[in-house]
């Protein structure tokens, strides 16, 4: 008897979802629970990954900051080998008489440019002219990377504040010289014919020799970090002291009146974007992070050059 199905042309196809079919032949979607589990795992991984990436980048920026100070230290030693002294904290003279707020005001950083491979800037500048002179605009606003900490995201230049200076911009810096253990008297700074002297290595018309640092190069700070604060208009510069500008001297040097990161007299102190502390360059070329919790008396000792203190560990 003939097969009825075959005589009518019927074709019997197997059920693709039959339980006896291989698992590879069946389609299976993802459940909502599985989807939520995957999303949760991805979220946890991102929570772990992002802080790790941030820490690694910050570590790289801190390393760059240390390298900047090391390069500045090497340049200071080269300068000393050539001139038998460190550069002046800043140069101030008025009418042939010494004056802390006189001209031309060029700071130790500007004097160090030839040792920092910045000779083209020097050739285009007139150091016998005021900093705000139009002939010195190229050097006044130049961004020199070695003076900039990678963790500080402030603008490379900032606008001066003071009489007739609101249109003048000047280059930013994150490193200032060591004026001394204590600060300076603002009234004394305004007197002509009087040198403004600090007990550190960089002060008004200074010419400090390594022989003058009797506290020892390894225990004496040459320069340190200072973070710029755009909100409170706290900026530093490597260019120099501009007569008539607000906090002109504090822009290029710092004192040990407060420990790193302290809020009081912050305009004259040291700070950084690396937490409560800052990196410092010592006379022997070392760069070390000094925590803000350091004892005040020890920090003052690090900023002086010849008080005879013992600062073991620094």
C-alpha atoms as a PDB file:
ATOM      1  CA  UNK A   1       0.000   0.000   0.000  1.00  0.00           C
ATOM      2  CA  UNK A   2       1.426   3.257  -1.072  1.00  0.00           C
ATOM      3  CA  UNK A   3       2.351   5.886   1.453  1.00  0.00           C
ATOM      4  CA  UNK A   4      -0.367   8.470   1.489  1.00  0.00           C
ATOM      5  CA  UNK A   5       1.987  11.270   2.431  1.00  0.00           C
ATOM      6  CA  UNK A   6       4.430  10.538  -0.353  1.00  0.00           C
ATOM      7  CA  UNK A   7       1.667  10.217  -2.937  1.00  0.00           C
ATOM      8  CA  UNK A   8       0.416  13.709  -2.161  1.00  0.00           C
ATOM      9  CA  UNK A   9       3.898  15.250  -2.078  1.00  0.00           C
ATOM     10  CA  UNK A  10       3.911  15.928   1.594  1.00  0.00           C
ATOM     11  CA  UNK A  11       7.255  16.464   3.306  1.00  0.00           C
ATOM     12  CA  UNK A  12       7.508  15.829   7.016  1.00  0.00           C
ATOM     13  CA  UNK A  13      10.139  18.209   8.594  1.00  0.00           C
ATOM     14  CA  UNK A  14      11.450  17.575  12.069  1.00  0.00           C
ATOM     15  CA  UNK A  15      10.588  20.030  14.853  1.00  0.00           C
ATOM     16  CA  UNK A  16      13.656  22.246  15.294  1.00  0.00           C
ATOM     17  CA  UNK A  17      12.771  22.746  18.920  1.00  0.00           C
ATOM     18  CA  UNK A  18      12.420  19.081  19.656  1.00  0.00           C
ATOM     19  CA  UNK A  19      14.147  18.187  22.922  1.00  0.00           C
ATOM     20  CA  UNK A  20      16.103  15.451  21.159  1.00  0.00           C
ATOM     21  CA  UNK A  21      17.792  17.979  18.833  1.00  0.00           C
ATOM     22  CA  UNK A  22      21.387  19.047  19.649  1.00  0.00           C
ATOM     23  CA  UNK A  23      21.773  22.132  21.920  1.00  0.00           C
ATOM     24  CA  UNK A  24      23.703  24.012  19.214  1.00  0.00           C
ATOM     25  CA  UNK A  25      20.606  23.930  17.004  1.00  0.00           C
ATOM     26  CA  UNK A  26      18.402  25.650  19.577  1.00  0.00           C
ATOM     27  CA  UNK A  27      18.398  29.469  20.090  1.00  0.00           C
ATOM     28  CA  UNK A  28      18.511  30.801  23.635  1.00  0.00           C
ATOM     29  CA  UNK A  29      18.244  34.498  24.665  1.00  0.00           C
ATOM     30  CA  UNK A  30      19.815  36.227  27.675  1.00  0.00           C
ATOM     31  CA  UNK A  31      17.593  36.655  30.697  1.00  0.00           C
ATOM     32  CA  UNK A  32      17.052  39.903  32.546  1.00  0.00           C
ATOM     33  CA  UNK A  33      18.867  38.561  35.611  1.00  0.00           C
ATOM     34  CA  UNK A  34      21.910  37.632  33.547  1.00  0.00           C
ATOM     35  CA  UNK A  35      21.883  41.073  31.899  1.00  0.00           C
ATOM     36  CA  UNK A  36      21.798  42.833  35.265  1.00  0.00           C
ATOM     37  CA  UNK A  37      24.636  40.658  36.562  1.00  0.00           C
ATOM     38  CA  UNK A  38      26.810  41.552  33.563  1.00  0.00           C
ATOM     39  CA  UNK A  39      26.062  45.255  33.986  1.00  0.00           C
ATOM     40  CA  UNK A  40      26.917  45.045  37.675  1.00  0.00           C
ATOM     41  CA  UNK A  41      30.238  43.341  36.944  1.00  0.00           C
ATOM     42  CA  UNK A  42      31.121  45.973  34.354  1.00  0.00           C
ATOM     43  CA  UNK A  43      30.231  48.731  36.836  1.00  0.00           C
ATOM     44  CA  UNK A  44      32.458  47.233  39.527  1.00  0.00           C
ATOM     45  CA  UNK A  45      35.333  46.908  37.064  1.00  0.00           C
ATOM     46  CA  UNK A  46      34.970  50.540  36.015  1.00  0.00           C
ATOM     47  CA  UNK A  47      34.885  51.640  39.655  1.00  0.00           C
ATOM     48  CA  UNK A  48      38.182  49.832  40.168  1.00  0.00           C
ATOM     49  CA  UNK A  49      39.731  50.917  36.872  1.00  0.00           C
ATOM     50  CA  UNK A  50      39.057  54.665  36.909  1.00  0.00           C
ATOM     51  CA  UNK A  51      40.754  55.426  40.258  1.00  0.00           C
ATOM     52  CA  UNK A  52      43.689  53.241  39.247  1.00  0.00           C
ATOM     53  CA  UNK A  53      44.082  55.157  35.996  1.00  0.00           C
ATOM     54  CA  UNK A  54      43.809  58.458  37.864  1.00  0.00           C
ATOM     55  CA  UNK A  55      46.464  57.376  40.374  1.00  0.00           C
ATOM     56  CA  UNK A  56      48.811  56.232  37.648  1.00  0.00           C
ATOM     57  CA  UNK A  57      48.436  59.518  35.787  1.00  0.00           C
ATOM     58  CA  UNK A  58      48.972  61.525  38.955  1.00  0.00           C
ATOM     59  CA  UNK A  59      52.058  59.448  39.744  1.00  0.00           C
ATOM     60  CA  UNK A  60      53.402  60.284  36.283  1.00  0.00           C
ATOM     61  CA  UNK A  61      52.690  63.982  36.842  1.00  0.00           C
ATOM     62  CA  UNK A  62      54.452  63.905  40.213  1.00  0.00           C
ATOM     63  CA  UNK A  63      57.470  62.273  38.585  1.00  0.00           C
ATOM     64  CA  UNK A  64      57.514  65.039  35.979  1.00  0.00           C
ATOM     65  CA  UNK A  65      57.323  67.638  38.739  1.00  0.00           C
ATOM     66  CA  UNK A  66      60.308  66.096  40.496  1.00  0.00           C
ATOM     67  CA  UNK A  67      62.228  65.997  37.220  1.00  0.00           C
ATOM     68  CA  UNK A  68      61.524  69.698  36.698  1.00  0.00           C
ATOM     69  CA  UNK A  69      63.063  70.552  40.059  1.00  0.00           C
ATOM     70  CA  UNK A  70      66.027  68.284  39.384  1.00  0.00           C
ATOM     71  CA  UNK A  71      66.642  70.057  36.096  1.00  0.00           C
ATOM     72  CA  UNK A  72      66.402  73.421  37.838  1.00  0.00           C
ATOM     73  CA  UNK A  73      68.865  72.173  40.436  1.00  0.00           C
ATOM     74  CA  UNK A  74      71.346  71.057  37.790  1.00  0.00           C
ATOM     75  CA  UNK A  75      71.030  74.423  36.054  1.00  0.00           C
ATOM     76  CA  UNK A  76      71.655  76.264  39.332  1.00  0.00           C
ATOM     77  CA  UNK A  77      74.831  74.262  39.861  1.00  0.00           C
ATOM     78  CA  UNK A  78      75.958  75.056  36.304  1.00  0.00           C
ATOM     79  CA  UNK A  79      75.210  78.737  36.908  1.00  0.00           C
ATOM     80  CA  UNK A  80      77.265  78.630  40.108  1.00  0.00           C
ATOM     81  CA  UNK A  81      80.174  77.000  38.266  1.00  0.00           C
ATOM     82  CA  UNK A  82      80.168  79.848  35.736  1.00  0.00           C
ATOM     83  CA  UNK A  83      79.530  82.851  38.016  1.00  0.00           C
ATOM     84  CA  UNK A  84      80.801  81.481  41.347  1.00  0.00           C
ATOM     85  CA  UNK A  85      77.435  82.307  42.932  1.00  0.00           C
ATOM     86  CA  UNK A  86      73.767  81.561  42.544  1.00  0.00           C
ATOM     87  CA  UNK A  87      71.611  84.074  40.639  1.00  0.00           C
ATOM     88  CA  UNK A  88      70.015  86.931  42.536  1.00  0.00           C
ATOM     89  CA  UNK A  89      66.588  86.340  43.983  1.00  0.00           C
ATOM     90  CA  UNK A  90      65.601  89.388  41.940  1.00  0.00           C
ATOM     91  CA  UNK A  91      67.356  92.556  40.778  1.00  0.00           C
ATOM     92  CA  UNK A  92      65.998  95.868  42.056  1.00  0.00           C
ATOM     93  CA  UNK A  93      67.615  99.273  41.565  1.00  0.00           C
ATOM     94  CA  UNK A  94      66.127 102.777  41.352  1.00  0.00           C
ATOM     95  CA  UNK A  95      68.197 105.800  40.309  1.00  0.00           C
ATOM     96  CA  UNK A  96      71.412 103.962  41.059  1.00  0.00           C
ATOM     97  CA  UNK A  97      70.249 102.993  44.556  1.00  0.00           C
ATOM     98  CA  UNK A  98      69.159  99.546  45.666  1.00  0.00           C
ATOM     99  CA  UNK A  99      65.409  99.211  45.854  1.00  0.00           C
ATOM    100  CA  UNK A 100      63.477  95.994  46.403  1.00  0.00           C
ATOM    101  CA  UNK A 101      60.567  97.286  44.328  1.00  0.00           C
ATOM    102  CA  UNK A 102      62.728  99.027  41.759  1.00  0.00           C
ATOM    103  CA  UNK A 103      63.574  97.927  38.261  1.00  0.00           C
ATOM    104  CA  UNK A 104      64.178  96.002  36.230  1.00  0.00           C
ATOM    105  CA  UNK A 105      63.121  93.223  38.647  1.00  0.00           C
ATOM    106  CA  UNK A 106      64.319  90.115  36.781  1.00  0.00           C
ATOM    107  CA  UNK A 107      64.162  87.075  39.073  1.00  0.00           C
ATOM    108  CA  UNK A 108      66.413  84.075  39.536  1.00  0.00           C
ATOM    109  CA  UNK A 109      64.385  82.041  37.055  1.00  0.00           C
ATOM    110  CA  UNK A 110      64.876  84.540  34.246  1.00  0.00           C
ATOM    111  CA  UNK A 111      68.607  84.717  34.978  1.00  0.00           C
ATOM    112  CA  UNK A 112      68.752  80.929  34.752  1.00  0.00           C
ATOM    113  CA  UNK A 113      67.340  80.700  31.204  1.00  0.00           C
ATOM    114  CA  UNK A 114      70.700  80.149  29.414  1.00  0.00           C
ATOM    115  CA  UNK A 115      71.383  77.105  31.616  1.00  0.00           C
ATOM    116  CA  UNK A 116      67.876  75.818  30.846  1.00  0.00           C
ATOM    117  CA  UNK A 117      68.504  75.764  27.077  1.00  0.00           C
ATOM    118  CA  UNK A 118      66.358  78.863  26.592  1.00  0.00           C
ATOM    119  CA  UNK A 119      69.007  81.026  24.915  1.00  0.00           C
ATOM    120  CA  UNK A 120      66.674  82.090  22.044  1.00  0.00           C
ATOM    121  CA  UNK A 121      64.450  83.780  24.636  1.00  0.00           C
ATOM    122  CA  UNK A 122      67.457  85.559  26.102  1.00  0.00           C
ATOM    123  CA  UNK A 123      68.606  86.832  22.705  1.00  0.00           C
ATOM    124  CA  UNK A 124      65.195  88.414  22.059  1.00  0.00           C
ATOM    125  CA  UNK A 125      65.084  90.146  25.449  1.00  0.00           C
ATOM    126  CA  UNK A 126      66.400  93.359  26.933  1.00  0.00           C
ATOM    127  CA  UNK A 127      67.318  92.738  30.543  1.00  0.00           C
ATOM    128  CA  UNK A 128      68.251  96.380  30.962  1.00  0.00           C
ATOM    129  CA  UNK A 129      64.624  97.335  30.267  1.00  0.00           C
ATOM    130  CA  UNK A 130      61.613  96.907  32.597  1.00  0.00           C
ATOM    131  CA  UNK A 131      59.794  93.588  32.539  1.00  0.00           C
ATOM    132  CA  UNK A 132      56.584  95.244  31.348  1.00  0.00           C
ATOM    133  CA  UNK A 133      58.332  96.911  28.417  1.00  0.00           C
ATOM    134  CA  UNK A 134      56.880  96.012  25.018  1.00  0.00           C
ATOM    135  CA  UNK A 135      60.323  94.822  23.937  1.00  0.00           C
ATOM    136  CA  UNK A 136      60.156  92.106  26.604  1.00  0.00           C
ATOM    137  CA  UNK A 137      56.669  90.817  25.877  1.00  0.00           C
ATOM    138  CA  UNK A 138      57.969  87.620  24.232  1.00  0.00           C
ATOM    139  CA  UNK A 139      59.993  86.578  27.286  1.00  0.00           C
ATOM    140  CA  UNK A 140      57.419  87.899  29.774  1.00  0.00           C
ATOM    141  CA  UNK A 141      54.686  85.648  28.404  1.00  0.00           C
ATOM    142  CA  UNK A 142      56.793  82.650  27.343  1.00  0.00           C
ATOM    143  CA  UNK A 143      55.679  79.265  28.646  1.00  0.00           C
ATOM    144  CA  UNK A 144      58.791  77.468  29.896  1.00  0.00           C
ATOM    145  CA  UNK A 145      57.736  73.904  30.689  1.00  0.00           C
ATOM    146  CA  UNK A 146      60.410  73.275  33.304  1.00  0.00           C
ATOM    147  CA  UNK A 147      58.737  75.885  35.539  1.00  0.00           C
ATOM    148  CA  UNK A 148      55.302  74.246  35.256  1.00  0.00           C
ATOM    149  CA  UNK A 149      54.031  71.316  37.333  1.00  0.00           C
ATOM    150  CA  UNK A 150      51.870  68.966  35.253  1.00  0.00           C
ATOM    151  CA  UNK A 151      49.372  68.609  38.118  1.00  0.00           C
ATOM    152  CA  UNK A 152      48.619  72.341  38.054  1.00  0.00           C
ATOM    153  CA  UNK A 153      46.021  73.016  35.337  1.00  0.00           C
ATOM    154  CA  UNK A 154      46.086  76.822  35.620  1.00  0.00           C
ATOM    155  CA  UNK A 155      46.643  79.017  32.573  1.00  0.00           C
ATOM    156  CA  UNK A 156      50.242  79.473  31.343  1.00  0.00           C
ATOM    157  CA  UNK A 157      49.928  83.245  31.804  1.00  0.00           C
ATOM    158  CA  UNK A 158      47.977  85.441  34.181  1.00  0.00           C
ATOM    159  CA  UNK A 159      46.999  89.096  34.358  1.00  0.00           C
ATOM    160  CA  UNK A 160      48.886  91.375  36.726  1.00  0.00           C
ATOM    161  CA  UNK A 161      46.917  93.415  39.248  1.00  0.00           C
ATOM    162  CA  UNK A 162      48.020  96.871  40.274  1.00  0.00           C
ATOM    163  CA  UNK A 163      48.156 100.442  39.032  1.00  0.00           C
ATOM    164  CA  UNK A 164      48.167 100.598  35.205  1.00  0.00           C
ATOM    165  CA  UNK A 165      49.006  96.892  34.945  1.00  0.00           C
ATOM    166  CA  UNK A 166      45.600  95.335  34.299  1.00  0.00           C
ATOM    167  CA  UNK A 167      46.402  94.747  30.626  1.00  0.00           C
ATOM    168  CA  UNK A 168      49.773  93.115  31.253  1.00  0.00           C
ATOM    169  CA  UNK A 169      50.065  89.343  31.258  1.00  0.00           C
ATOM    170  CA  UNK A 170      53.029  87.411  32.638  1.00  0.00           C
ATOM    171  CA  UNK A 171      54.174  83.789  32.537  1.00  0.00           C
ATOM    172  CA  UNK A 172      53.159  81.433  35.318  1.00  0.00           C
ATOM    173  CA  UNK A 173      55.412  79.237  37.449  1.00  0.00           C
ATOM    174  CA  UNK A 174      54.975  76.541  40.089  1.00  0.00           C
ATOM    175  CA  UNK A 175      58.393  76.945  41.704  1.00  0.00           C
ATOM    176  CA  UNK A 176      59.635  79.813  43.843  1.00  0.00           C
ATOM    177  CA  UNK A 177      63.013  80.465  45.446  1.00  0.00           C
ATOM    178  CA  UNK A 178      63.786  80.194  49.160  1.00  0.00           C
ATOM    179  CA  UNK A 179      63.817  83.702  50.666  1.00  0.00           C
ATOM    180  CA  UNK A 180      64.424  82.407  54.170  1.00  0.00           C
ATOM    181  CA  UNK A 181      62.953  81.089  57.393  1.00  0.00           C
ATOM    182  CA  UNK A 182      60.900  84.243  57.895  1.00  0.00           C
ATOM    183  CA  UNK A 183      59.206  86.656  55.524  1.00  0.00           C
ATOM    184  CA  UNK A 184      59.865  90.306  54.785  1.00  0.00           C
ATOM    185  CA  UNK A 185      58.515  93.640  55.965  1.00  0.00           C
ATOM    186  CA  UNK A 186      56.372  95.253  53.271  1.00  0.00           C
ATOM    187  CA  UNK A 187      57.261  98.741  54.519  1.00  0.00           C
ATOM    188  CA  UNK A 188      60.972  97.950  54.359  1.00  0.00           C
ATOM    189  CA  UNK A 189      60.505  96.688  50.817  1.00  0.00           C
ATOM    190  CA  UNK A 190      59.240 100.123  49.776  1.00  0.00           C
ATOM    191  CA  UNK A 191      62.270 101.999  51.114  1.00  0.00           C
ATOM    192  CA  UNK A 192      64.903 103.006  48.608  1.00  0.00           C
ATOM    193  CA  UNK A 193      68.559 102.573  49.413  1.00  0.00           C
ATOM    194  CA  UNK A 194      67.906  99.481  51.538  1.00  0.00           C
ATOM    195  CA  UNK A 195      68.495  95.903  50.488  1.00  0.00           C
ATOM    196  CA  UNK A 196      65.763  93.460  51.444  1.00  0.00           C
ATOM    197  CA  UNK A 197      67.756  90.560  52.860  1.00  0.00           C
ATOM    198  CA  UNK A 198      66.505  87.106  53.802  1.00  0.00           C
ATOM    199  CA  UNK A 199      68.367  84.304  55.533  1.00  0.00           C
ATOM    200  CA  UNK A 200      67.732  81.953  52.591  1.00  0.00           C
ATOM    201  CA  UNK A 201      69.605  81.689  49.304  1.00  0.00           C
ATOM    202  CA  UNK A 202      67.393  83.935  47.111  1.00  0.00           C
ATOM    203  CA  UNK A 203      66.671  87.511  48.177  1.00  0.00           C
ATOM    204  CA  UNK A 204      66.972  91.056  46.859  1.00  0.00           C
ATOM    205  CA  UNK A 205      70.200  91.527  44.851  1.00  0.00           C
ATOM    206  CA  UNK A 206      71.624  88.376  46.425  1.00  0.00           C
ATOM    207  CA  UNK A 207      74.725  86.550  45.226  1.00  0.00           C
ATOM    208  CA  UNK A 208      74.820  83.496  47.478  1.00  0.00           C
ATOM    209  CA  UNK A 209      77.768  81.141  47.118  1.00  0.00           C
ATOM    210  CA  UNK A 210      77.705  77.508  48.113  1.00  0.00           C
ATOM    211  CA  UNK A 211      80.407  78.383  50.663  1.00  0.00           C
ATOM    212  CA  UNK A 212      77.896  80.725  52.318  1.00  0.00           C
ATOM    213  CA  UNK A 213      75.490  77.839  52.990  1.00  0.00           C
ATOM    214  CA  UNK A 214      77.139  76.723  56.196  1.00  0.00           C
ATOM    215  CA  UNK A 215      74.086  74.695  57.226  1.00  0.00           C
ATOM    216  CA  UNK A 216      75.064  72.271  54.471  1.00  0.00           C
ATOM    217  CA  UNK A 217      73.708  71.844  50.968  1.00  0.00           C
ATOM    218  CA  UNK A 218      71.852  68.656  51.885  1.00  0.00           C
ATOM    219  CA  UNK A 219      69.882  70.448  54.598  1.00  0.00           C
ATOM    220  CA  UNK A 220      69.115  73.720  52.830  1.00  0.00           C
ATOM    221  CA  UNK A 221      66.235  74.352  50.425  1.00  0.00           C
ATOM    222  CA  UNK A 222      66.938  76.236  47.203  1.00  0.00           C
ATOM    223  CA  UNK A 223      63.413  76.247  45.762  1.00  0.00           C
ATOM    224  CA  UNK A 224      60.030  74.672  46.296  1.00  0.00           C
ATOM    225  CA  UNK A 225      56.570  74.190  44.841  1.00  0.00           C
ATOM    226  CA  UNK A 226      53.690  76.587  44.948  1.00  0.00           C
ATOM    227  CA  UNK A 227      50.291  75.852  43.426  1.00  0.00           C
ATOM    228  CA  UNK A 228      48.518  78.622  41.562  1.00  0.00           C
ATOM    229  CA  UNK A 229      45.067  79.627  42.793  1.00  0.00           C
ATOM    230  CA  UNK A 230      43.083  81.379  40.075  1.00  0.00           C
ATOM    231  CA  UNK A 231      40.095  82.048  42.337  1.00  0.00           C
ATOM    232  CA  UNK A 232      42.120  84.007  44.904  1.00  0.00           C
ATOM    233  CA  UNK A 233      44.506  85.389  42.279  1.00  0.00           C
ATOM    234  CA  UNK A 234      47.489  83.677  43.829  1.00  0.00           C
ATOM    235  CA  UNK A 235      49.952  83.185  41.033  1.00  0.00           C
ATOM    236  CA  UNK A 236      53.702  82.835  40.874  1.00  0.00           C
ATOM    237  CA  UNK A 237      56.134  83.625  38.082  1.00  0.00           C
ATOM    238  CA  UNK A 238      59.701  82.878  37.116  1.00  0.00           C
ATOM    239  CA  UNK A 239      60.009  86.215  35.301  1.00  0.00           C
ATOM    240  CA  UNK A 240      60.544  88.714  38.095  1.00  0.00           C
ATOM    241  CA  UNK A 241      59.282  91.350  40.514  1.00  0.00           C
ATOM    242  CA  UNK A 242      57.121  93.906  38.685  1.00  0.00           C
ATOM    243  CA  UNK A 243      57.097  97.314  40.425  1.00  0.00           C
ATOM    244  CA  UNK A 244      53.562  98.399  41.242  1.00  0.00           C
ATOM    245  CA  UNK A 245      52.115  94.897  41.008  1.00  0.00           C
ATOM    246  CA  UNK A 246      50.215  93.325  43.891  1.00  0.00           C
ATOM    247  CA  UNK A 247      52.301  90.923  46.038  1.00  0.00           C
ATOM    248  CA  UNK A 248      55.151  91.457  43.588  1.00  0.00           C
ATOM    249  CA  UNK A 249      57.898  89.899  45.731  1.00  0.00           C
ATOM    250  CA  UNK A 250      55.818  86.919  46.823  1.00  0.00           C
ATOM    251  CA  UNK A 251      55.414  85.934  43.178  1.00  0.00           C
ATOM    252  CA  UNK A 252      59.056  84.820  42.893  1.00  0.00           C
ATOM    253  CA  UNK A 253      60.183  83.759  46.406  1.00  0.00           C
ATOM    254  CA  UNK A 254      58.681  82.023  49.421  1.00  0.00           C
ATOM    255  CA  UNK A 255      59.396  81.853  53.141  1.00  0.00           C
ATOM    256  CA  UNK A 256      59.212  79.291  55.913  1.00  0.00           C
ATOM    257  CA  UNK A 257      56.700  81.242  57.997  1.00  0.00           C
ATOM    258  CA  UNK A 258      54.134  78.485  57.449  1.00  0.00           C
ATOM    259  CA  UNK A 259      54.503  74.799  56.691  1.00  0.00           C
ATOM    260  CA  UNK A 260      53.573  73.550  53.202  1.00  0.00           C
ATOM    261  CA  UNK A 261      49.869  73.758  52.476  1.00  0.00           C
ATOM    262  CA  UNK A 262      49.001  75.912  55.493  1.00  0.00           C
ATOM    263  CA  UNK A 263      46.259  78.438  54.905  1.00  0.00           C
ATOM    264  CA  UNK A 264      47.826  81.391  56.698  1.00  0.00           C
ATOM    265  CA  UNK A 265      50.123  83.632  54.645  1.00  0.00           C
ATOM    266  CA  UNK A 266      49.731  81.173  51.809  1.00  0.00           C
ATOM    267  CA  UNK A 267      50.743  83.830  49.290  1.00  0.00           C
ATOM    268  CA  UNK A 268      54.295  83.673  50.672  1.00  0.00           C
ATOM    269  CA  UNK A 269      54.392  79.975  51.472  1.00  0.00           C
ATOM    270  CA  UNK A 270      54.692  76.706  49.586  1.00  0.00           C
ATOM    271  CA  UNK A 271      51.969  74.368  48.379  1.00  0.00           C
ATOM    272  CA  UNK A 272      51.159  71.889  45.634  1.00  0.00           C
ATOM    273  CA  UNK A 273      48.455  69.851  43.939  1.00  0.00           C
ATOM    274  CA  UNK A 274      49.960  66.679  45.452  1.00  0.00           C
ATOM    275  CA  UNK A 275      48.202  66.801  48.790  1.00  0.00           C
ATOM    276  CA  UNK A 276      49.183  68.562  52.001  1.00  0.00           C
ATOM    277  CA  UNK A 277      52.824  69.027  51.192  1.00  0.00           C
ATOM    278  CA  UNK A 278      55.130  69.981  48.346  1.00  0.00           C
ATOM    279  CA  UNK A 279      58.317  68.961  46.575  1.00  0.00           C
ATOM    280  CA  UNK A 280      61.489  70.868  47.426  1.00  0.00           C
ATOM    281  CA  UNK A 281      64.877  71.201  45.746  1.00  0.00           C
ATOM    282  CA  UNK A 282      67.817  70.983  48.148  1.00  0.00           C
ATOM    283  CA  UNK A 283      71.286  72.397  47.659  1.00  0.00           C
ATOM    284  CA  UNK A 284      72.840  69.041  46.854  1.00  0.00           C
ATOM    285  CA  UNK A 285      70.417  68.548  43.955  1.00  0.00           C
ATOM    286  CA  UNK A 286      68.012  66.218  45.771  1.00  0.00           C
ATOM    287  CA  UNK A 287      64.277  66.627  45.400  1.00  0.00           C
ATOM    288  CA  UNK A 288      62.173  65.555  48.352  1.00  0.00           C
ATOM    289  CA  UNK A 289      58.510  65.731  49.321  1.00  0.00           C
ATOM    290  CA  UNK A 290      58.005  67.611  52.586  1.00  0.00           C
ATOM    291  CA  UNK A 291      54.714  66.847  54.315  1.00  0.00           C
ATOM    292  CA  UNK A 292      52.706  69.750  55.664  1.00  0.00           C
ATOM    293  CA  UNK A 293      52.683  68.133  59.111  1.00  0.00           C
ATOM    294  CA  UNK A 294      56.411  68.794  59.539  1.00  0.00           C
ATOM    295  CA  UNK A 295      57.333  70.667  62.718  1.00  0.00           C
ATOM    296  CA  UNK A 296      57.431  74.411  62.088  1.00  0.00           C
ATOM    297  CA  UNK A 297      60.855  74.834  63.667  1.00  0.00           C
ATOM    298  CA  UNK A 298      62.331  72.172  61.385  1.00  0.00           C
ATOM    299  CA  UNK A 299      60.757  73.660  58.292  1.00  0.00           C
ATOM    300  CA  UNK A 300      62.119  77.096  59.161  1.00  0.00           C
ATOM    301  CA  UNK A 301      65.563  75.556  59.522  1.00  0.00           C
ATOM    302  CA  UNK A 302      65.363  74.052  56.041  1.00  0.00           C
ATOM    303  CA  UNK A 303      64.702  77.490  54.539  1.00  0.00           C
ATOM    304  CA  UNK A 304      67.714  79.193  56.171  1.00  0.00           C
ATOM    305  CA  UNK A 305      71.267  78.919  54.877  1.00  0.00           C
ATOM    306  CA  UNK A 306      73.504  79.745  57.839  1.00  0.00           C
ATOM    307  CA  UNK A 307      71.723  79.524  61.212  1.00  0.00           C
ATOM    308  CA  UNK A 308      73.637  76.440  62.244  1.00  0.00           C
ATOM    309  CA  UNK A 309      70.637  74.159  62.768  1.00  0.00           C
ATOM    310  CA  UNK A 310      70.785  70.406  62.435  1.00  0.00           C
ATOM    311  CA  UNK A 311      68.033  69.003  60.236  1.00  0.00           C
ATOM    312  CA  UNK A 312      68.710  65.294  60.225  1.00  0.00           C
ATOM    313  CA  UNK A 313      66.697  63.324  57.726  1.00  0.00           C
ATOM    314  CA  UNK A 314      66.559  66.178  55.225  1.00  0.00           C
END
